[in-house]
Protein backbone atom coordinates (compact mmCIF):
# COMPACT_ATOMS: atom_id res chain seq x y z
CA MET A 1 149.39 175.68 218.09
CA LEU A 2 150.27 175.81 214.82
CA SER A 3 150.12 172.20 214.92
CA ARG A 4 146.91 171.92 216.46
CA PHE A 5 145.56 174.39 213.72
CA LEU A 6 146.77 172.71 211.04
CA ALA A 7 145.24 169.41 212.22
CA GLY A 8 141.89 170.88 212.50
CA ILE A 9 141.79 172.72 209.46
CA PHE A 10 142.60 169.14 207.59
CA GLY A 11 141.06 166.92 209.43
CA ALA A 12 137.94 168.97 209.87
CA ALA A 13 137.28 168.61 205.48
CA PRO A 14 136.39 165.34 205.34
CA ILE A 15 133.63 165.43 208.50
CA ALA A 16 132.13 168.29 206.26
CA ILE A 17 131.85 167.15 202.51
CA VAL A 18 131.46 163.28 203.48
CA GLY A 19 127.57 164.15 203.11
CA GLY A 20 127.86 165.51 199.53
CA THR A 21 130.28 162.39 198.50
CA PHE A 22 127.82 160.09 200.18
CA VAL A 23 125.05 161.83 197.29
CA ASP A 24 127.32 161.72 194.06
CA PHE A 25 127.85 158.04 194.93
CA TRP A 26 125.42 156.06 196.41
CA ASP A 27 121.46 156.18 195.60
CA ALA A 28 119.08 156.96 198.94
CA LYS A 29 119.13 152.85 199.71
CA GLY A 30 123.19 152.44 199.74
CA ARG A 31 123.54 155.68 201.90
CA GLY A 32 122.70 154.01 204.97
CA MET A 33 125.43 151.55 204.83
CA ALA A 34 127.85 154.16 204.13
CA THR A 35 127.01 156.44 206.63
CA VAL A 36 127.27 153.63 208.87
CA GLY A 37 130.53 152.43 207.58
CA PHE A 38 132.08 155.62 207.73
CA ALA A 39 130.84 156.83 210.99
CA GLY A 40 132.31 152.96 212.07
CA ALA A 41 135.35 154.11 210.61
CA THR A 42 135.39 157.85 212.72
CA PHE A 43 134.83 156.04 216.19
CA LEU A 44 137.50 152.83 214.85
CA GLY A 45 140.25 155.34 214.94
CA PRO A 46 140.55 157.02 218.04
CA ILE A 47 140.16 153.16 219.58
CA ALA A 48 141.82 151.33 217.67
CA GLY A 49 145.23 154.07 217.01
CA PRO A 50 146.37 153.99 221.08
CA ILE A 51 146.11 150.17 220.90
CA VAL A 52 148.37 149.71 217.71
CA GLY A 53 150.48 152.69 218.46
CA SER A 54 151.02 150.96 221.83
CA PHE A 55 152.07 147.77 219.99
CA ILE A 56 154.47 149.65 217.67
CA VAL A 57 156.00 151.35 220.54
CA GLN A 58 156.87 148.19 223.12
CA SER A 59 158.19 147.09 219.86
CA SER A 60 162.16 146.52 218.92
CA LEU A 61 160.58 149.16 215.73
CA GLY A 62 160.47 152.41 218.28
CA TRP A 63 157.82 155.55 219.06
CA ARG A 64 158.92 156.91 215.62
CA TRP A 65 157.68 154.00 213.27
CA ILE A 66 153.81 155.50 214.77
CA GLY A 67 154.53 158.45 212.10
CA TRP A 68 155.56 155.91 209.89
CA ALA A 69 152.87 153.46 209.82
CA THR A 70 150.50 156.34 209.99
CA MET A 71 151.95 157.41 206.66
CA ILE A 72 151.89 154.15 204.98
CA VAL A 73 148.89 153.29 205.51
CA SER A 74 147.39 156.70 204.14
CA THR A 75 149.71 156.84 201.31
CA SER A 76 148.33 153.31 200.80
CA ILE A 77 144.80 154.12 200.82
CA GLY A 78 145.12 157.47 198.96
CA LEU A 79 146.60 156.26 195.87
CA VAL A 80 143.82 152.98 195.65
CA ALA A 81 141.67 155.71 196.08
CA LEU A 82 143.09 157.63 193.67
CA PHE A 83 142.94 155.07 190.59
CA THR A 84 139.10 153.70 191.79
CA VAL A 85 137.39 156.67 192.84
CA PRO A 86 135.41 157.98 189.98
CA GLU A 87 135.25 161.64 189.25
CA THR A 88 132.17 163.12 190.57
CA PHE A 89 131.97 167.00 189.98
CA ALA A 90 128.79 167.73 187.29
CA PRO A 91 130.39 170.19 185.61
CA VAL A 92 134.09 168.36 185.26
CA LEU A 93 131.68 165.53 183.66
CA LEU A 94 129.84 167.90 181.57
CA GLN A 95 133.36 169.18 180.14
CA ARG A 96 134.87 165.97 179.49
CA LYS A 97 131.37 164.99 177.52
CA ALA A 98 131.29 168.18 175.61
CA ALA A 99 135.12 166.96 174.59
CA ARG A 100 134.46 164.05 173.44
CA LEU A 101 130.99 165.07 172.05
CA ARG A 102 133.58 167.56 170.39
CA GLN A 103 135.84 164.56 168.89
CA GLU A 104 133.33 162.24 168.18
CA THR A 105 131.15 164.83 166.07
CA LYS A 106 133.32 167.52 164.95
CA ASP A 107 131.23 170.33 166.04
CA TRP A 108 133.83 172.52 167.28
CA ALA A 109 131.15 174.34 168.95
CA ILE A 110 130.08 172.26 171.72
CA HIS A 111 131.04 173.52 175.13
CA SER A 112 130.34 173.04 178.60
CA THR A 113 130.25 175.75 181.25
CA LEU A 114 133.20 175.53 182.75
CA ASP A 115 134.85 175.85 178.97
CA GLU A 116 132.92 179.04 178.57
CA ASN A 117 134.01 180.45 182.16
CA PRO A 118 137.66 179.33 182.55
CA VAL A 119 139.04 180.01 186.15
CA ASN A 120 141.04 182.74 186.73
CA PHE A 121 143.43 183.77 190.05
CA ARG A 122 141.17 186.30 190.77
CA ARG A 123 137.99 184.55 191.13
CA LEU A 124 139.46 182.02 193.03
CA VAL A 125 140.81 184.76 195.70
CA GLU A 126 137.53 186.03 195.78
CA LYS A 127 135.88 182.54 196.39
CA TYR A 128 138.14 180.96 199.19
CA LEU A 129 139.94 183.61 200.75
CA SER A 130 137.64 186.25 200.96
CA LYS A 131 134.41 184.60 202.02
CA PRO A 132 135.50 183.14 205.45
CA LEU A 133 137.27 186.99 205.91
CA VAL A 134 134.13 188.42 205.04
CA MET A 135 132.12 185.84 207.16
CA LEU A 136 134.75 186.17 210.17
CA VAL A 137 133.66 190.87 210.10
CA LYS A 138 129.67 190.25 209.05
CA ASP A 139 128.95 187.23 211.01
CA PRO A 140 128.32 187.44 214.84
CA ILE A 141 128.32 183.67 215.37
CA VAL A 142 131.46 182.86 213.73
CA SER A 143 133.05 186.09 215.07
CA TRP A 144 132.30 185.46 218.88
CA LEU A 145 133.51 181.51 218.25
CA SER A 146 136.76 182.68 216.93
CA LEU A 147 136.98 185.00 219.36
CA GLN A 148 136.37 182.44 222.18
CA GLU A 149 139.03 180.11 220.35
CA ILE A 150 141.81 182.95 220.62
CA VAL A 151 141.24 183.52 224.15
CA ASP A 152 141.35 179.73 224.85
CA ILE A 153 143.61 179.09 223.11
CA LEU A 154 146.21 182.02 224.81
CA THR A 155 144.96 181.33 228.63
CA HIS A 156 146.35 177.72 227.83
CA MET A 157 149.97 178.98 226.70
């Protein structure tokens, strides 16, 4: 149950934020091909995974290598992305531009919004931890779906 919960938490993020990411990286014309590529990869995983997994299990490597193969491929893609995918979050880009302009012009009064409003722990807790709880209590749809999921989990135990 815990593994399914963690898989849902961490696996749902890419599906939820992919649209905003496409807008950051591509213009309207290029976004169509990016969406096709993402959708293809999304469907290719469940199709190719069992096939590749069965080859790994039937080879001399054994079933434990399925996890290792997944980790090796994911780490490789993650490292390539770490060094090749540019920052696209506008406030961070403005913060970098302000720092560069401060150095070039020696005008230390130039600041971005992120420089003026530093992140503190209380604001993070309010924004990212309390909002889901408030939605759970105040939004009837979220409450109902969460209750249904709990009942479903408990009845299948």
